[in-house]
Amino acid sequence: QVQLVESGGGLVQAGDSLRLSCSASGRTSFSVLAMGWFRQAPGKEREFVAAISWSGQSTSYADSVKGRFTISRDNAKNTVYLQMNSLKPEDTAVYYCAAGEGMYFAGSRDANYGHWGKGTLVTVSS
């Protein structure tokens, strides 16, 4: 079992930056978990934001955040990060951390992720 806890959300203004963290714990080694970030805005379905492979060498991003967001991981700290720059009001959402077992890179399909955190709220004011 894998437990994921997100932190770092909050209220910011458009153009600001924010860094989300997701701390993992459990019996499965963090270094063999494919990790991802998803988000769900009010009244909308959950959508993919970014994904990263075991080693951190492979990453992918939703088109809407490409060039503004950066996903990274520190396997020594069992933590994955989402650096969010140039935030826009449309980035307002609950952000979820997700972990996938048994694959090097889980990509954008939420079905690939078997473990989810409870989310952290990011609100971007205009």
Foldseek 3Di string as FASTA:
>chain_A
DKAKAKDWADEEAAQAKTKMKIAMDDDDQLLQKKKFKWWDDPPGDIFGAKTAFSVRPDMDGDPVQPPFWDWGDDSVRRMIMIIGGRDDQVVWTWMKMFIAHDDGHQPTDPVRTDDIYPTDTHGYHD
